[in-house]
Amino acid sequence: MRTLTPDDIKRENAFRAAQRKAGKSRKSNIKDPNAPKKPLSAYFMFLQRIRANPMLVQEIFGDETETTKQSVLAAAKWRSMTDDERKVHSPPISMETPSR
């Protein structure tokens, strides 16, 4: 399989959009594998911090080992936090996406 350049991806996506508009195709747009990823949200940075620290894991999750239940417990902890406590977990300004 050959790799597509960013110009090839734009051209193909424009073609697919025209085909969808004409009702001839249902294919979605191609994603550029080399495109930069968006920074993590404050909530996901909070989850990373919990999982990296065994004391926080024990405090928030207790003896729960099931991932779905851990997610519920982490979400409950996140909702109970104040905005000031949440700001600690927000991404640094340098990582935020630039305005377009």
C-alpha atoms as a PDB file:
ATOM      1  CA  MET A   1       0.000   0.000   0.000  1.00  0.00           C
ATOM      2  CA  ARG A   2       1.404   3.392  -0.928  1.00  0.00           C
ATOM      3  CA  THR A   3       1.422   6.321   1.439  1.00  0.00           C
ATOM      4  CA  LEU A   4      -0.484   9.447   0.546  1.00  0.00           C
ATOM      5  CA  THR A   5       0.916  12.935   0.741  1.00  0.00           C
ATOM      6  CA  PRO A   6      -1.141  15.646   2.500  1.00  0.00           C
ATOM      7  CA  ASP A   7      -2.098  17.038  -0.945  1.00  0.00           C
ATOM      8  CA  ASP A   8      -3.274  13.583  -2.050  1.00  0.00           C
ATOM      9  CA  ILE A   9      -5.392  13.283   1.099  1.00  0.00           C
ATOM     10  CA  LYS A  10      -6.999  16.709   0.512  1.00  0.00           C
ATOM     11  CA  ARG A  11      -7.724  15.859  -3.127  1.00  0.00           C
ATOM     12  CA  GLU A  12      -9.206  12.460  -2.225  1.00  0.00           C
ATOM     13  CA  ASN A  13     -11.333  13.959   0.565  1.00  0.00           C
ATOM     14  CA  ALA A  14     -12.679  16.624  -1.812  1.00  0.00           C
ATOM     15  CA  PHE A  15     -13.557  13.896  -4.315  1.00  0.00           C
ATOM     16  CA  ARG A  16     -15.280  11.808  -1.634  1.00  0.00           C
ATOM     17  CA  ALA A  17     -17.239  14.842  -0.414  1.00  0.00           C
ATOM     18  CA  ALA A  18     -18.478  15.500  -3.961  1.00  0.00           C
ATOM     19  CA  GLN A  19     -19.458  11.833  -4.334  1.00  0.00           C
ATOM     20  CA  ARG A  20     -21.358  11.900  -1.030  1.00  0.00           C
ATOM     21  CA  LYS A  21     -23.140  15.112  -2.018  1.00  0.00           C
ATOM     22  CA  ALA A  22     -24.185  13.535  -5.312  1.00  0.00           C
ATOM     23  CA  GLY A  23     -25.468  10.482  -3.427  1.00  0.00           C
ATOM     24  CA  LYS A  24     -23.071   8.090  -5.137  1.00  0.00           C
ATOM     25  CA  SER A  25     -20.918   7.062  -2.193  1.00  0.00           C
ATOM     26  CA  ARG A  26     -20.911   6.676   1.569  1.00  0.00           C
ATOM     27  CA  LYS A  27     -17.163   6.655   2.119  1.00  0.00           C
ATOM     28  CA  SER A  28     -15.905   8.923   4.884  1.00  0.00           C
ATOM     29  CA  ASN A  29     -12.886  11.194   4.687  1.00  0.00           C
ATOM     30  CA  ILE A  30      -9.344   9.866   5.020  1.00  0.00           C
ATOM     31  CA  LYS A  31      -7.459  10.881   8.158  1.00  0.00           C
ATOM     32  CA  ASP A  32      -3.860  11.982   7.859  1.00  0.00           C
ATOM     33  CA  PRO A  33      -1.766   9.577   9.991  1.00  0.00           C
ATOM     34  CA  ASN A  34       0.963  12.206  10.300  1.00  0.00           C
ATOM     35  CA  ALA A  35      -1.339  14.945  11.595  1.00  0.00           C
ATOM     36  CA  PRO A  36      -0.485  16.137  15.117  1.00  0.00           C
ATOM     37  CA  LYS A  37      -2.656  14.787  17.894  1.00  0.00           C
ATOM     38  CA  LYS A  38      -4.727  17.044  20.111  1.00  0.00           C
ATOM     39  CA  PRO A  39      -3.516  17.489  23.693  1.00  0.00           C
ATOM     40  CA  LEU A  40      -5.211  15.521  26.456  1.00  0.00           C
ATOM     41  CA  SER A  41      -8.127  17.159  28.215  1.00  0.00           C
ATOM     42  CA  ALA A  42      -7.884  18.041  31.902  1.00  0.00           C
ATOM     43  CA  TYR A  43      -9.974  14.974  32.793  1.00  0.00           C
ATOM     44  CA  PHE A  44      -7.630  12.578  30.991  1.00  0.00           C
ATOM     45  CA  MET A  45      -4.594  14.238  32.567  1.00  0.00           C
ATOM     46  CA  PHE A  46      -6.339  13.680  35.919  1.00  0.00           C
ATOM     47  CA  LEU A  47      -6.773   9.990  35.056  1.00  0.00           C
ATOM     48  CA  GLN A  48      -3.107   9.692  34.059  1.00  0.00           C
ATOM     49  CA  ARG A  49      -2.040  11.220  37.370  1.00  0.00           C
ATOM     50  CA  ILE A  50      -4.235   8.788  39.314  1.00  0.00           C
ATOM     51  CA  ARG A  51      -2.945   5.728  37.452  1.00  0.00           C
ATOM     52  CA  ALA A  52       0.699   6.780  37.843  1.00  0.00           C
ATOM     53  CA  ASN A  53       0.488   7.104  41.643  1.00  0.00           C
ATOM     54  CA  PRO A  54      -0.264   3.896  43.614  1.00  0.00           C
ATOM     55  CA  MET A  55      -1.421   5.902  46.645  1.00  0.00           C
ATOM     56  CA  LEU A  56      -4.027   7.754  44.557  1.00  0.00           C
ATOM     57  CA  VAL A  57      -5.125   4.476  42.974  1.00  0.00           C
ATOM     58  CA  GLN A  58      -5.759   3.030  46.422  1.00  0.00           C
ATOM     59  CA  GLU A  59      -7.478   6.214  47.645  1.00  0.00           C
ATOM     60  CA  ILE A  60      -9.860   6.609  44.706  1.00  0.00           C
ATOM     61  CA  PHE A  61     -10.371   3.059  43.445  1.00  0.00           C
ATOM     62  CA  GLY A  62      -9.937   1.163  46.699  1.00  0.00           C
ATOM     63  CA  ASP A  63      -9.878  -2.577  46.047  1.00  0.00           C
ATOM     64  CA  GLU A  64     -11.856  -2.269  42.798  1.00  0.00           C
ATOM     65  CA  THR A  65     -10.079  -3.990  39.901  1.00  0.00           C
ATOM     66  CA  GLU A  66     -12.759  -3.814  37.203  1.00  0.00           C
ATOM     67  CA  THR A  67     -11.941  -1.058  34.716  1.00  0.00           C
ATOM     68  CA  THR A  68     -15.516   0.095  34.128  1.00  0.00           C
ATOM     69  CA  LYS A  69     -16.154   0.509  37.842  1.00  0.00           C
ATOM     70  CA  GLN A  70     -12.836   2.342  38.226  1.00  0.00           C
ATOM     71  CA  SER A  71     -13.996   4.749  35.533  1.00  0.00           C
ATOM     72  CA  VAL A  72     -17.219   5.393  37.433  1.00  0.00           C
ATOM     73  CA  LEU A  73     -15.284   6.061  40.641  1.00  0.00           C
ATOM     74  CA  ALA A  74     -12.841   8.394  38.869  1.00  0.00           C
ATOM     75  CA  ALA A  75     -15.702  10.294  37.207  1.00  0.00           C
ATOM     76  CA  ALA A  76     -17.429  10.707  40.571  1.00  0.00           C
ATOM     77  CA  LYS A  77     -14.198  12.076  42.068  1.00  0.00           C
ATOM     78  CA  TRP A  78     -13.794  14.465  39.105  1.00  0.00           C
ATOM     79  CA  ARG A  79     -17.367  15.763  39.485  1.00  0.00           C
ATOM     80  CA  SER A  80     -16.840  16.359  43.203  1.00  0.00           C
ATOM     81  CA  MET A  81     -13.747  18.512  42.586  1.00  0.00           C
ATOM     82  CA  THR A  82     -13.960  22.311  42.503  1.00  0.00           C
ATOM     83  CA  ASP A  83     -12.820  24.320  39.471  1.00  0.00           C
ATOM     84  CA  ASP A  84      -9.641  25.351  41.284  1.00  0.00           C
ATOM     85  CA  GLU A  85      -8.773  21.700  41.965  1.00  0.00           C
ATOM     86  CA  ARG A  86      -9.435  20.850  38.309  1.00  0.00           C
ATOM     87  CA  LYS A  87      -7.143  23.614  36.999  1.00  0.00           C
ATOM     88  CA  VAL A  88      -4.151  21.668  38.334  1.00  0.00           C
ATOM     89  CA  HIS A  89      -4.876  19.018  35.689  1.00  0.00           C
ATOM     90  CA  SER A  90      -5.478  21.298  32.705  1.00  0.00           C
ATOM     91  CA  PRO A  91      -2.879  21.133  29.921  1.00  0.00           C
ATOM     92  CA  PRO A  92      -0.072  23.708  29.859  1.00  0.00           C
ATOM     93  CA  ILE A  93      -0.791  26.752  27.688  1.00  0.00           C
ATOM     94  CA  SER A  94       2.041  25.834  25.300  1.00  0.00           C
ATOM     95  CA  MET A  95       0.307  22.521  24.471  1.00  0.00           C
ATOM     96  CA  GLU A  96      -3.106  24.008  23.723  1.00  0.00           C
ATOM     97  CA  THR A  97      -4.097  24.091  20.086  1.00  0.00           C
ATOM     98  CA  PRO A  98      -3.628  27.459  18.384  1.00  0.00           C
ATOM     99  CA  SER A  99      -6.750  29.360  17.392  1.00  0.00           C
ATOM    100  CA  ARG A 100      -7.509  29.244  13.707  1.00  0.00           C
END
